[in-house]
């Protein structure tokens, strides 16, 4: 596979930094009761092309992880609602790393939505949420020893539909450049040498889908 092209780097601004359940002030005032209940989450498999650099050079590898996304099935225009993303625990291979830091996952925001709050909860290390235009990044600093379980926190984004009249809002997992990969970490090899990993998706992976529409009359039933 040819080496991915470098994207133009942009400085991300932090939405928040927390270890457990630290919510942005805007999120405290939200009514998070959805107009329709969220469907049971099914795992989504993200299959990456990964680019790994080391002292002998670099190589490409295939990698995959599971993600879970939950969001209301339906909301009314301008109604704030939560979107929750979870990643099952995983392990960095000790054959290639002694530890990893700055584990990152990138998510693509719906174009016609505003982020009004964000929070993380749980996880085995401090984490923060970064925002760069239409991209939100979950970053766990670590270090995480190789061979031990890495538990990323649960990410909750509080979104509000915009004024453009979108009928559906979808949060996607994605990233396709060295500057903004979908999944990455900074690894350290067995001899202390840098061993970064950056993983890309050929196309973004949808995690949630929420319909936006007027409130249904009482007594009506969707078919």
N, C-alpha and C. Protein backbone atom coordinates (compact mmCIF):
# COMPACT_ATOMS: atom_id res chain seq x y z
N UNK A 1 0.85 -1.19 0.00
CA UNK A 1 0.00 0.00 0.00
C UNK A 1 0.88 1.23 0.00
N UNK A 2 0.62 2.23 -0.84
CA UNK A 2 1.46 3.43 -0.84
C UNK A 2 1.34 4.18 0.46
N UNK A 3 2.41 4.88 0.79
CA UNK A 3 2.41 5.65 2.03
C UNK A 3 1.33 6.72 1.98
N UNK A 4 0.50 6.81 3.05
CA UNK A 4 -0.56 7.81 3.04
C UNK A 4 0.01 9.21 2.93
N UNK A 5 -0.74 10.08 2.28
CA UNK A 5 -0.31 11.46 2.13
C UNK A 5 -0.51 12.22 3.43
N UNK A 6 0.41 13.07 3.73
CA UNK A 6 0.30 13.88 4.93
C UNK A 6 -0.76 14.95 4.75
N UNK A 7 -1.64 15.04 5.73
CA UNK A 7 -2.65 16.09 5.70
C UNK A 7 -2.10 17.35 6.32
N UNK A 8 -2.78 18.42 6.09
CA UNK A 8 -2.37 19.69 6.66
C UNK A 8 -2.75 19.73 8.13
N UNK A 9 -1.77 19.82 8.99
CA UNK A 9 -2.01 19.78 10.42
C UNK A 9 -2.69 21.04 10.91
N UNK A 10 -3.61 20.88 11.87
CA UNK A 10 -4.28 22.00 12.49
C UNK A 10 -4.27 21.79 13.98
N UNK A 11 -4.10 22.84 14.70
CA UNK A 11 -4.03 22.74 16.14
C UNK A 11 -5.42 22.49 16.71
N UNK A 12 -5.56 21.42 17.46
CA UNK A 12 -6.84 21.10 18.06
C UNK A 12 -6.97 21.83 19.39
N UNK A 13 -8.19 22.21 19.71
CA UNK A 13 -8.43 22.85 20.99
C UNK A 13 -9.15 21.88 21.90
N UNK A 14 -8.79 21.84 23.19
CA UNK A 14 -9.41 20.88 24.08
C UNK A 14 -10.84 21.27 24.41
N UNK A 15 -11.75 20.29 24.37
CA UNK A 15 -13.09 20.51 24.88
C UNK A 15 -13.11 20.34 26.39
N UNK A 16 -12.36 19.38 26.88
CA UNK A 16 -12.26 19.16 28.31
C UNK A 16 -11.18 18.13 28.59
N UNK A 17 -10.75 18.06 29.85
CA UNK A 17 -9.80 17.05 30.28
C UNK A 17 -10.31 16.49 31.58
N UNK A 18 -10.40 15.18 31.67
CA UNK A 18 -10.98 14.60 32.87
C UNK A 18 -10.59 13.15 32.99
N UNK A 19 -10.75 12.60 34.19
CA UNK A 19 -10.57 11.17 34.37
C UNK A 19 -11.93 10.47 34.42
N UNK A 20 -12.86 11.02 35.19
CA UNK A 20 -14.18 10.42 35.26
C UNK A 20 -15.24 11.49 35.31
N UNK A 21 -16.20 11.39 34.40
CA UNK A 21 -17.45 12.16 34.42
C UNK A 21 -17.27 13.63 34.74
N UNK A 22 -16.43 14.34 34.01
CA UNK A 22 -16.32 15.79 34.15
C UNK A 22 -16.98 16.41 32.93
N UNK A 23 -18.10 17.10 33.13
CA UNK A 23 -18.92 17.57 32.04
C UNK A 23 -18.70 19.05 31.81
N UNK A 24 -18.74 19.46 30.55
CA UNK A 24 -18.66 20.88 30.24
C UNK A 24 -19.84 21.61 30.85
N UNK A 25 -19.65 22.87 31.29
CA UNK A 25 -20.75 23.61 31.92
C UNK A 25 -22.00 23.66 31.07
N UNK A 26 -21.87 23.81 29.74
CA UNK A 26 -23.05 23.88 28.90
C UNK A 26 -23.89 22.62 29.00
N UNK A 27 -23.23 21.49 29.21
CA UNK A 27 -23.96 20.23 29.23
C UNK A 27 -24.80 20.09 30.49
N UNK A 28 -24.49 20.83 31.55
CA UNK A 28 -25.20 20.69 32.80
C UNK A 28 -26.65 21.13 32.68
N UNK A 29 -26.92 22.03 31.77
CA UNK A 29 -28.27 22.58 31.64
C UNK A 29 -29.11 21.84 30.62
N UNK A 30 -28.59 20.79 30.02
CA UNK A 30 -29.31 20.11 28.95
C UNK A 30 -30.41 19.21 29.50
N UNK A 31 -31.46 19.10 28.73
CA UNK A 31 -32.44 18.05 28.96
C UNK A 31 -32.07 16.89 28.06
N UNK A 32 -31.61 15.80 28.65
CA UNK A 32 -31.07 14.70 27.86
C UNK A 32 -32.07 13.58 27.65
N UNK A 33 -33.34 13.81 27.93
CA UNK A 33 -34.35 12.79 27.68
C UNK A 33 -34.70 12.77 26.21
N UNK A 34 -34.42 11.67 25.49
CA UNK A 34 -34.67 11.65 24.05
C UNK A 34 -36.15 11.56 23.74
N UNK A 35 -36.53 12.05 22.57
CA UNK A 35 -37.92 11.96 22.14
C UNK A 35 -38.29 10.53 21.82
N UNK A 36 -37.33 9.73 21.39
CA UNK A 36 -37.55 8.31 21.16
C UNK A 36 -36.38 7.56 21.76
N UNK A 37 -36.60 6.38 22.34
CA UNK A 37 -35.50 5.68 23.01
C UNK A 37 -34.44 5.23 22.04
N UNK A 38 -33.20 5.12 22.55
CA UNK A 38 -32.10 4.64 21.72
C UNK A 38 -32.24 3.15 21.48
N UNK A 39 -31.86 2.73 20.31
CA UNK A 39 -31.87 1.30 20.00
C UNK A 39 -30.68 0.63 20.67
N UNK A 40 -30.81 -0.67 20.92
CA UNK A 40 -29.70 -1.41 21.50
C UNK A 40 -28.50 -1.33 20.58
N UNK A 41 -27.35 -1.06 21.18
CA UNK A 41 -26.15 -0.85 20.38
C UNK A 41 -25.59 -2.18 19.89
N UNK A 42 -25.24 -2.22 18.62
CA UNK A 42 -24.55 -3.36 18.04
C UNK A 42 -23.12 -2.93 17.74
N UNK A 43 -22.14 -3.82 17.91
CA UNK A 43 -20.76 -3.42 17.66
C UNK A 43 -20.52 -3.12 16.19
N UNK A 44 -19.68 -2.13 15.96
CA UNK A 44 -19.23 -1.78 14.62
C UNK A 44 -17.75 -2.14 14.54
N UNK A 45 -17.35 -2.84 13.49
CA UNK A 45 -15.96 -3.23 13.32
C UNK A 45 -15.28 -2.24 12.39
N UNK A 46 -14.25 -1.56 12.90
CA UNK A 46 -13.45 -0.66 12.07
C UNK A 46 -12.19 -1.42 11.63
N UNK A 47 -12.03 -1.58 10.33
CA UNK A 47 -10.88 -2.31 9.77
C UNK A 47 -9.94 -1.28 9.15
N UNK A 48 -8.75 -1.16 9.70
CA UNK A 48 -7.81 -0.10 9.32
C UNK A 48 -6.69 -0.62 8.43
N UNK A 49 -6.11 0.30 7.67
CA UNK A 49 -4.76 0.17 7.14
C UNK A 49 -3.87 1.00 8.05
N UNK A 50 -2.85 0.37 8.63
CA UNK A 50 -2.02 1.05 9.62
C UNK A 50 -0.59 1.22 9.10
N UNK A 51 0.01 2.32 9.48
CA UNK A 51 1.37 2.67 9.09
C UNK A 51 2.20 2.74 10.36
N UNK A 52 3.20 1.88 10.47
CA UNK A 52 4.03 1.79 11.67
C UNK A 52 5.47 2.16 11.33
N UNK A 53 6.02 3.11 12.08
CA UNK A 53 7.41 3.54 11.87
C UNK A 53 8.30 3.00 12.99
N UNK A 54 9.54 2.66 12.64
CA UNK A 54 10.50 2.15 13.62
C UNK A 54 11.90 2.46 13.12
N UNK A 55 12.91 2.09 13.90
CA UNK A 55 14.28 2.49 13.57
C UNK A 55 14.77 1.83 12.28
N UNK A 56 14.23 0.67 11.93
CA UNK A 56 14.64 0.00 10.70
C UNK A 56 13.91 0.52 9.46
N UNK A 57 12.92 1.35 9.66
CA UNK A 57 12.15 1.86 8.53
C UNK A 57 10.68 1.98 8.89
N UNK A 58 9.83 1.44 8.05
CA UNK A 58 8.39 1.48 8.30
C UNK A 58 7.72 0.35 7.54
N UNK A 59 6.51 0.03 7.94
CA UNK A 59 5.75 -0.99 7.24
C UNK A 59 4.27 -0.75 7.46
N UNK A 60 3.45 -1.39 6.65
CA UNK A 60 2.00 -1.28 6.80
C UNK A 60 1.45 -2.59 7.33
N UNK A 61 0.43 -2.48 8.17
CA UNK A 61 -0.20 -3.65 8.76
C UNK A 61 -1.71 -3.42 8.77
N UNK A 62 -2.46 -4.51 8.86
CA UNK A 62 -3.91 -4.43 9.00
C UNK A 62 -4.27 -4.53 10.48
N UNK A 63 -5.30 -3.83 10.88
CA UNK A 63 -5.71 -3.83 12.28
C UNK A 63 -7.21 -3.56 12.34
N UNK A 64 -7.87 -4.05 13.38
CA UNK A 64 -9.31 -3.82 13.53
C UNK A 64 -9.66 -3.71 15.00
N UNK A 65 -10.64 -2.87 15.32
CA UNK A 65 -11.18 -2.78 16.67
C UNK A 65 -12.70 -2.69 16.59
N UNK A 66 -13.35 -3.00 17.71
CA UNK A 66 -14.79 -2.84 17.82
C UNK A 66 -15.11 -1.49 18.45
N UNK A 67 -16.22 -0.90 18.03
CA UNK A 67 -16.74 0.30 18.66
C UNK A 67 -18.25 0.14 18.83
N UNK A 68 -18.77 0.77 19.88
CA UNK A 68 -20.21 0.79 20.13
C UNK A 68 -20.68 2.23 20.14
N UNK A 69 -21.76 2.52 19.45
CA UNK A 69 -22.33 3.86 19.46
C UNK A 69 -23.80 3.82 19.83
N UNK A 70 -24.23 4.74 20.70
CA UNK A 70 -25.63 4.84 21.10
C UNK A 70 -26.10 6.27 20.96
N UNK A 71 -27.29 6.45 20.43
CA UNK A 71 -27.90 7.78 20.30
C UNK A 71 -29.40 7.59 20.17
N UNK A 72 -30.20 8.62 20.46
CA UNK A 72 -31.64 8.51 20.28
C UNK A 72 -31.99 8.21 18.82
N UNK A 73 -33.06 7.49 18.62
CA UNK A 73 -33.51 7.21 17.26
C UNK A 73 -34.07 8.46 16.60
N UNK A 74 -34.69 9.34 17.40
CA UNK A 74 -35.36 10.51 16.83
C UNK A 74 -35.34 11.66 17.84
N UNK A 75 -35.10 12.87 17.35
CA UNK A 75 -35.19 14.08 18.16
C UNK A 75 -35.92 15.15 17.36
N UNK A 76 -36.36 16.19 18.06
CA UNK A 76 -37.00 17.31 17.38
C UNK A 76 -35.95 18.36 17.03
N UNK A 77 -36.22 19.24 16.08
CA UNK A 77 -35.26 20.29 15.72
C UNK A 77 -34.86 21.11 16.94
N UNK A 78 -33.56 21.36 17.07
CA UNK A 78 -32.97 22.15 18.16
C UNK A 78 -33.00 21.44 19.50
N UNK A 79 -33.38 20.17 19.54
CA UNK A 79 -33.39 19.41 20.79
C UNK A 79 -32.01 18.80 21.03
N UNK A 80 -31.39 19.12 22.15
CA UNK A 80 -30.08 18.55 22.48
C UNK A 80 -30.23 17.07 22.82
N UNK A 81 -29.23 16.29 22.44
CA UNK A 81 -29.30 14.86 22.70
C UNK A 81 -27.89 14.29 22.88
N UNK A 82 -27.75 13.17 23.63
CA UNK A 82 -26.45 12.57 23.87
C UNK A 82 -26.09 11.52 22.83
N UNK A 83 -24.83 11.46 22.49
CA UNK A 83 -24.27 10.39 21.66
C UNK A 83 -23.13 9.76 22.46
N UNK A 84 -23.20 8.46 22.67
CA UNK A 84 -22.23 7.76 23.52
C UNK A 84 -21.43 6.78 22.67
N UNK A 85 -20.10 6.80 22.85
CA UNK A 85 -19.21 5.89 22.13
C UNK A 85 -18.38 5.11 23.15
N UNK A 86 -18.33 3.80 22.99
CA UNK A 86 -17.52 2.94 23.85
C UNK A 86 -16.63 2.05 22.99
N UNK A 87 -15.43 1.81 23.50
CA UNK A 87 -14.47 0.91 22.85
C UNK A 87 -14.09 -0.18 23.85
N UNK A 88 -14.28 -1.45 23.52
CA UNK A 88 -13.88 -2.51 24.44
C UNK A 88 -12.37 -2.45 24.72
N UNK A 89 -11.95 -2.91 25.90
CA UNK A 89 -10.52 -2.91 26.23
C UNK A 89 -9.71 -3.71 25.21
N UNK A 90 -8.46 -3.28 25.02
CA UNK A 90 -7.57 -3.98 24.09
C UNK A 90 -6.16 -3.94 24.66
N UNK A 91 -5.21 -4.58 23.97
CA UNK A 91 -3.84 -4.74 24.46
C UNK A 91 -2.86 -4.38 23.36
N UNK A 92 -1.81 -3.63 23.70
CA UNK A 92 -0.71 -3.37 22.77
C UNK A 92 0.24 -4.57 22.78
N UNK A 93 0.60 -5.05 21.61
CA UNK A 93 1.42 -6.25 21.49
C UNK A 93 2.81 -6.02 22.08
N UNK A 94 3.21 -6.77 23.12
CA UNK A 94 4.53 -6.58 23.74
C UNK A 94 5.68 -7.02 22.85
N UNK A 95 5.41 -7.69 21.74
CA UNK A 95 6.49 -8.06 20.82
C UNK A 95 7.05 -6.83 20.11
N UNK A 96 6.25 -5.78 20.02
CA UNK A 96 6.66 -4.60 19.26
C UNK A 96 6.75 -3.33 20.10
N UNK A 97 6.20 -3.35 21.31
CA UNK A 97 6.18 -2.16 22.16
C UNK A 97 6.49 -2.54 23.60
N UNK A 98 7.13 -1.61 24.30
CA UNK A 98 7.23 -1.74 25.75
C UNK A 98 6.10 -0.98 26.43
N UNK A 99 5.66 0.11 25.81
CA UNK A 99 4.52 0.88 26.29
C UNK A 99 4.00 1.74 25.16
N UNK A 100 2.78 2.27 25.32
CA UNK A 100 2.21 3.21 24.36
C UNK A 100 1.62 4.40 25.11
N UNK A 101 1.62 5.55 24.44
CA UNK A 101 1.06 6.79 24.99
C UNK A 101 0.16 7.43 23.93
N UNK A 102 -0.57 8.44 24.38
CA UNK A 102 -1.41 9.25 23.49
C UNK A 102 -2.23 8.38 22.54
N UNK A 103 -3.00 7.49 23.11
CA UNK A 103 -3.92 6.68 22.31
C UNK A 103 -5.08 7.57 21.87
N UNK A 104 -5.32 7.64 20.56
CA UNK A 104 -6.31 8.57 20.02
C UNK A 104 -7.30 7.88 19.09
N UNK A 105 -8.55 8.29 19.19
CA UNK A 105 -9.60 7.89 18.27
C UNK A 105 -10.29 9.15 17.77
N UNK A 106 -10.53 9.22 16.46
CA UNK A 106 -11.12 10.42 15.85
C UNK A 106 -12.54 10.13 15.38
N UNK A 107 -13.41 11.12 15.58
CA UNK A 107 -14.82 11.00 15.20
C UNK A 107 -15.23 12.22 14.39
N UNK A 108 -16.00 11.98 13.35
CA UNK A 108 -16.44 13.04 12.44
C UNK A 108 -17.84 13.47 12.83
N UNK A 109 -17.98 14.75 13.15
CA UNK A 109 -19.26 15.28 13.60
C UNK A 109 -20.23 15.44 12.43
N UNK A 110 -21.53 15.35 12.69
CA UNK A 110 -22.50 15.69 11.65
C UNK A 110 -22.34 17.15 11.24
N UNK A 111 -22.46 17.43 9.97
CA UNK A 111 -22.25 18.80 9.49
C UNK A 111 -23.26 19.77 10.08
N UNK A 112 -24.51 19.34 10.21
CA UNK A 112 -25.56 20.24 10.70
C UNK A 112 -25.86 19.94 12.17
N UNK A 113 -24.83 20.04 13.01
CA UNK A 113 -25.01 19.83 14.44
C UNK A 113 -24.01 20.68 15.20
N UNK A 114 -24.39 21.07 16.40
CA UNK A 114 -23.52 21.86 17.28
C UNK A 114 -23.18 21.03 18.50
N UNK A 115 -21.90 21.02 18.90
CA UNK A 115 -21.49 20.35 20.12
C UNK A 115 -21.73 21.32 21.28
N UNK A 116 -22.59 20.94 22.21
CA UNK A 116 -22.88 21.80 23.35
C UNK A 116 -22.30 21.26 24.65
N UNK A 117 -21.67 20.11 24.60
CA UNK A 117 -21.04 19.55 25.79
C UNK A 117 -20.34 18.25 25.46
N UNK A 118 -19.44 17.83 26.35
CA UNK A 118 -18.72 16.57 26.18
C UNK A 118 -18.27 16.09 27.54
N UNK A 119 -18.19 14.78 27.69
CA UNK A 119 -17.70 14.21 28.94
C UNK A 119 -17.10 12.84 28.68
N UNK A 120 -16.19 12.44 29.58
CA UNK A 120 -15.65 11.09 29.56
C UNK A 120 -15.88 10.48 30.93
N UNK A 121 -16.00 9.16 30.98
CA UNK A 121 -16.17 8.47 32.26
C UNK A 121 -15.51 7.11 32.19
N UNK A 122 -14.94 6.70 33.32
CA UNK A 122 -14.25 5.42 33.37
C UNK A 122 -12.89 5.49 32.71
N UNK A 123 -12.39 4.34 32.30
CA UNK A 123 -11.08 4.27 31.68
C UNK A 123 -9.99 4.03 32.70
N UNK A 124 -8.83 3.60 32.21
CA UNK A 124 -7.72 3.24 33.09
C UNK A 124 -6.65 4.32 33.18
N UNK A 125 -6.90 5.50 32.57
CA UNK A 125 -5.92 6.60 32.62
C UNK A 125 -6.65 7.90 32.30
N UNK A 126 -6.08 9.05 32.69
CA UNK A 126 -6.70 10.33 32.35
C UNK A 126 -6.89 10.48 30.84
N UNK A 127 -7.95 11.16 30.46
CA UNK A 127 -8.26 11.35 29.04
C UNK A 127 -8.83 12.74 28.84
N UNK A 128 -8.82 13.19 27.59
CA UNK A 128 -9.40 14.48 27.25
C UNK A 128 -10.04 14.40 25.87
N UNK A 129 -10.87 15.40 25.60
CA UNK A 129 -11.56 15.49 24.31
C UNK A 129 -11.08 16.75 23.60
N UNK A 130 -10.63 16.58 22.34
CA UNK A 130 -10.14 17.69 21.53
C UNK A 130 -11.10 17.93 20.37
N UNK A 131 -11.16 19.19 19.93
CA UNK A 131 -12.06 19.55 18.82
C UNK A 131 -11.27 20.32 17.78
N UNK A 132 -11.42 19.90 16.52
CA UNK A 132 -10.81 20.61 15.39
C UNK A 132 -11.85 20.67 14.28
N UNK A 133 -12.60 21.77 14.24
CA UNK A 133 -13.65 21.94 13.24
C UNK A 133 -14.65 20.79 13.33
N UNK A 134 -14.72 19.94 12.31
CA UNK A 134 -15.72 18.87 12.29
C UNK A 134 -15.18 17.55 12.85
N UNK A 135 -14.04 17.58 13.52
CA UNK A 135 -13.43 16.37 14.07
C UNK A 135 -13.32 16.49 15.59
N UNK A 136 -13.73 15.43 16.29
CA UNK A 136 -13.54 15.32 17.73
C UNK A 136 -12.60 14.15 17.98
N UNK A 137 -11.61 14.36 18.85
CA UNK A 137 -10.62 13.33 19.15
C UNK A 137 -10.67 12.98 20.63
N UNK A 138 -10.80 11.69 20.92
CA UNK A 138 -10.66 11.19 22.28
C UNK A 138 -9.21 10.77 22.46
N UNK A 139 -8.53 11.37 23.45
CA UNK A 139 -7.10 11.10 23.66
C UNK A 139 -6.87 10.66 25.10
N UNK A 140 -6.29 9.48 25.28
CA UNK A 140 -5.87 8.97 26.58
C UNK A 140 -4.35 8.99 26.64
N UNK A 141 -3.80 9.71 27.60
CA UNK A 141 -2.37 9.99 27.61
C UNK A 141 -1.53 8.76 27.96
N UNK A 142 -1.96 7.96 28.92
CA UNK A 142 -1.12 6.85 29.35
C UNK A 142 -0.01 7.31 30.28
N UNK A 143 1.13 6.59 30.38
CA UNK A 143 1.51 5.45 29.53
C UNK A 143 0.74 4.16 29.87
N UNK A 144 0.63 3.31 28.86
CA UNK A 144 0.00 2.01 29.01
C UNK A 144 1.05 0.94 28.73
N UNK A 145 1.44 0.13 29.72
CA UNK A 145 2.42 -0.93 29.48
C UNK A 145 1.90 -1.93 28.46
N UNK A 146 2.75 -2.34 27.54
CA UNK A 146 2.36 -3.34 26.55
C UNK A 146 2.04 -4.65 27.24
N UNK A 147 1.07 -5.36 26.71
CA UNK A 147 0.66 -6.62 27.29
C UNK A 147 -0.38 -6.49 28.38
N UNK A 148 -0.65 -5.27 28.84
CA UNK A 148 -1.68 -5.03 29.84
C UNK A 148 -2.89 -4.38 29.18
N UNK A 149 -4.03 -4.55 29.79
CA UNK A 149 -5.28 -4.07 29.21
C UNK A 149 -5.32 -2.55 29.17
N UNK A 150 -5.68 -2.00 28.01
CA UNK A 150 -5.91 -0.57 27.84
C UNK A 150 -7.42 -0.36 27.81
N UNK A 151 -7.93 0.33 28.81
CA UNK A 151 -9.37 0.61 28.88
C UNK A 151 -9.58 2.10 28.63
N UNK A 152 -10.09 2.44 27.46
CA UNK A 152 -10.40 3.83 27.15
C UNK A 152 -11.71 4.22 27.82
N UNK A 153 -11.87 5.50 28.16
CA UNK A 153 -13.12 5.92 28.79
C UNK A 153 -14.28 5.92 27.80
N UNK A 154 -15.47 5.91 28.34
CA UNK A 154 -16.66 6.13 27.53
C UNK A 154 -16.75 7.61 27.19
N UNK A 155 -17.04 7.91 25.92
CA UNK A 155 -17.15 9.29 25.45
C UNK A 155 -18.62 9.62 25.21
N UNK A 156 -19.07 10.74 25.80
CA UNK A 156 -20.42 11.24 25.54
C UNK A 156 -20.33 12.63 24.96
N UNK A 157 -20.91 12.81 23.78
CA UNK A 157 -21.03 14.12 23.15
C UNK A 157 -22.49 14.56 23.22
N UNK A 158 -22.71 15.81 23.58
CA UNK A 158 -24.05 16.37 23.61
C UNK A 158 -24.20 17.26 22.37
N UNK A 159 -25.07 16.85 21.47
CA UNK A 159 -25.24 17.53 20.19
C UNK A 159 -26.62 18.19 20.11
N UNK A 160 -26.70 19.21 19.27
CA UNK A 160 -27.97 19.87 19.00
C UNK A 160 -28.09 20.08 17.50
N UNK A 161 -29.21 19.68 16.88
CA UNK A 161 -29.38 19.90 15.44
C UNK A 161 -29.26 21.37 15.09
N UNK A 162 -28.69 21.64 13.92
CA UNK A 162 -28.51 23.01 13.47
C UNK A 162 -29.75 23.55 12.77
N UNK A 163 -29.55 24.63 12.05
CA UNK A 163 -30.66 25.33 11.40
C UNK A 163 -30.79 25.01 9.91
N UNK A 164 -29.98 24.07 9.41
CA UNK A 164 -30.00 23.79 7.97
C UNK A 164 -31.07 22.78 7.57
N UNK A 165 -31.77 22.25 8.56
CA UNK A 165 -32.88 21.35 8.24
C UNK A 165 -32.47 19.93 7.92
N UNK A 166 -31.33 19.46 8.43
CA UNK A 166 -30.92 18.08 8.18
C UNK A 166 -31.96 17.12 8.75
N UNK A 167 -32.27 16.07 8.01
CA UNK A 167 -33.25 15.09 8.45
C UNK A 167 -32.63 13.94 9.22
N UNK A 168 -31.31 13.81 9.15
CA UNK A 168 -30.62 12.73 9.85
C UNK A 168 -29.24 13.21 10.26
N UNK A 169 -28.83 12.86 11.48
CA UNK A 169 -27.51 13.21 11.99
C UNK A 169 -26.78 11.93 12.35
N UNK A 170 -25.56 11.78 11.85
CA UNK A 170 -24.78 10.57 12.06
C UNK A 170 -23.39 10.91 12.57
N UNK A 171 -22.98 10.26 13.67
CA UNK A 171 -21.60 10.36 14.13
C UNK A 171 -20.82 9.23 13.49
N UNK A 172 -19.66 9.56 12.90
CA UNK A 172 -18.86 8.57 12.20
C UNK A 172 -17.44 8.52 12.77
N UNK A 173 -16.84 7.36 12.68
CA UNK A 173 -15.43 7.19 13.04
C UNK A 173 -14.63 7.25 11.75
N UNK A 174 -13.62 8.13 11.70
CA UNK A 174 -12.88 8.26 10.46
C UNK A 174 -11.60 9.04 10.61
N UNK A 175 -10.81 9.06 9.55
CA UNK A 175 -9.53 9.73 9.48
C UNK A 175 -8.68 9.06 8.42
N UNK A 176 -8.08 9.83 7.52
CA UNK A 176 -7.40 9.22 6.37
C UNK A 176 -6.08 9.88 6.02
N UNK A 177 -5.46 10.62 6.95
CA UNK A 177 -4.15 11.21 6.69
C UNK A 177 -3.22 10.97 7.87
N UNK A 178 -1.93 11.13 7.65
CA UNK A 178 -0.97 11.00 8.74
C UNK A 178 -1.20 12.06 9.81
N UNK A 179 -1.65 13.24 9.40
CA UNK A 179 -1.89 14.31 10.36
C UNK A 179 -3.14 14.05 11.19
N UNK A 180 -4.14 13.39 10.61
CA UNK A 180 -5.40 13.16 11.30
C UNK A 180 -5.87 11.72 11.06
N UNK A 181 -5.21 10.74 11.67
CA UNK A 181 -5.62 9.35 11.49
C UNK A 181 -6.89 9.04 12.28
N UNK A 182 -7.51 7.92 11.95
CA UNK A 182 -8.70 7.49 12.69
C UNK A 182 -8.32 6.93 14.06
N UNK A 183 -7.20 6.23 14.13
CA UNK A 183 -6.73 5.61 15.37
C UNK A 183 -5.22 5.69 15.38
N UNK A 184 -4.64 6.03 16.53
CA UNK A 184 -3.18 6.15 16.57
C UNK A 184 -2.69 6.05 18.01
N UNK A 185 -1.39 5.78 18.13
CA UNK A 185 -0.71 5.91 19.42
C UNK A 185 0.76 6.17 19.18
N UNK A 186 1.43 6.60 20.23
CA UNK A 186 2.88 6.78 20.22
C UNK A 186 3.48 5.64 21.03
N UNK A 187 4.07 4.67 20.33
CA UNK A 187 4.64 3.52 21.00
C UNK A 187 6.12 3.69 21.29
N UNK A 188 6.61 2.92 22.25
CA UNK A 188 8.03 2.85 22.57
C UNK A 188 8.48 1.41 22.43
N UNK A 189 9.54 1.17 21.63
CA UNK A 189 10.03 -0.18 21.41
C UNK A 189 10.76 -0.74 22.62
N UNK A 190 11.19 -1.98 22.52
CA UNK A 190 11.83 -2.67 23.64
C UNK A 190 13.15 -2.04 24.03
N UNK A 191 13.80 -1.32 23.11
CA UNK A 191 15.07 -0.66 23.39
C UNK A 191 14.89 0.84 23.65
N UNK A 192 13.67 1.27 23.84
CA UNK A 192 13.41 2.68 24.10
C UNK A 192 13.24 3.52 22.85
N UNK A 193 13.25 2.91 21.68
CA UNK A 193 13.13 3.65 20.42
C UNK A 193 11.67 3.99 20.15
N UNK A 194 11.40 5.10 19.46
CA UNK A 194 10.02 5.46 19.12
C UNK A 194 9.42 4.48 18.13
N UNK A 195 8.15 4.18 18.31
CA UNK A 195 7.46 3.21 17.47
C UNK A 195 6.00 3.65 17.29
N UNK A 196 5.77 4.76 16.59
CA UNK A 196 4.41 5.28 16.44
C UNK A 196 3.57 4.42 15.49
N UNK A 197 2.28 4.45 15.71
CA UNK A 197 1.33 3.73 14.88
C UNK A 197 0.21 4.69 14.48
N UNK A 198 -0.11 4.75 13.20
CA UNK A 198 -1.21 5.58 12.70
C UNK A 198 -2.07 4.72 11.77
N UNK A 199 -3.38 4.70 12.02
CA UNK A 199 -4.29 3.82 11.29
C UNK A 199 -5.35 4.64 10.56
N UNK A 200 -5.70 4.19 9.36
CA UNK A 200 -6.57 4.95 8.47
C UNK A 200 -7.74 4.09 8.02
N UNK A 201 -8.84 4.76 7.70
CA UNK A 201 -10.02 4.09 7.18
C UNK A 201 -10.26 4.54 5.74
N UNK A 202 -10.46 3.61 4.81
CA UNK A 202 -10.75 4.01 3.43
C UNK A 202 -11.99 4.90 3.33
N UNK A 203 -12.96 4.65 4.21
CA UNK A 203 -14.18 5.47 4.27
C UNK A 203 -14.63 5.54 5.72
N UNK A 204 -15.25 6.64 6.13
CA UNK A 204 -15.72 6.75 7.52
C UNK A 204 -16.72 5.65 7.86
N UNK A 205 -16.72 5.24 9.12
CA UNK A 205 -17.61 4.19 9.60
C UNK A 205 -18.72 4.82 10.44
N UNK A 206 -19.98 4.72 10.02
CA UNK A 206 -21.08 5.28 10.82
C UNK A 206 -21.24 4.52 12.14
N UNK A 207 -21.39 5.28 13.23
CA UNK A 207 -21.59 4.69 14.55
C UNK A 207 -23.01 4.88 15.06
N UNK A 208 -23.62 6.02 14.75
CA UNK A 208 -24.99 6.30 15.19
C UNK A 208 -25.75 7.00 14.08
N UNK A 209 -27.07 6.94 14.16
CA UNK A 209 -27.93 7.66 13.23
C UNK A 209 -29.17 8.13 13.99
N UNK A 210 -29.42 9.43 13.96
CA UNK A 210 -30.56 10.02 14.66
C UNK A 210 -31.41 10.82 13.68
N UNK A 211 -32.68 10.49 13.62
CA UNK A 211 -33.61 11.20 12.76
C UNK A 211 -34.03 12.52 13.42
N UNK A 212 -34.13 13.57 12.63
CA UNK A 212 -34.57 14.88 13.12
C UNK A 212 -35.89 15.22 12.45
N UNK A 213 -36.90 15.49 13.27
CA UNK A 213 -38.20 15.81 12.70
C UNK A 213 -39.11 16.43 13.74
N UNK A 214 -40.26 16.92 13.33
CA UNK A 214 -41.19 17.54 14.26
C UNK A 214 -41.72 16.53 15.26
N UNK A 215 -42.17 17.03 16.40
CA UNK A 215 -42.72 16.15 17.42
C UNK A 215 -43.99 15.50 16.90
N UNK A 216 -44.09 14.19 17.12
CA UNK A 216 -45.26 13.48 16.65
C UNK A 216 -46.46 13.74 17.56
N UNK A 217 -47.66 13.87 17.00
CA UNK A 217 -48.85 14.09 17.83
C UNK A 217 -49.04 12.97 18.83
N UNK A 218 -49.54 13.32 19.99
CA UNK A 218 -49.77 12.31 21.02
C UNK A 218 -50.76 11.27 20.51
N UNK A 219 -50.42 10.02 20.74
CA UNK A 219 -51.29 8.94 20.30
C UNK A 219 -50.92 8.38 18.94
N UNK A 220 -50.02 9.09 18.21
CA UNK A 220 -49.60 8.56 16.92
C UNK A 220 -48.58 7.47 17.12
N UNK A 221 -48.46 6.61 16.15
CA UNK A 221 -47.52 5.50 16.27
C UNK A 221 -46.73 5.38 14.99
N UNK A 222 -45.40 5.28 15.14
CA UNK A 222 -44.55 5.12 13.98
C UNK A 222 -44.63 3.68 13.50
N UNK A 223 -44.59 3.50 12.20
CA UNK A 223 -44.61 2.15 11.64
C UNK A 223 -43.27 1.85 11.03
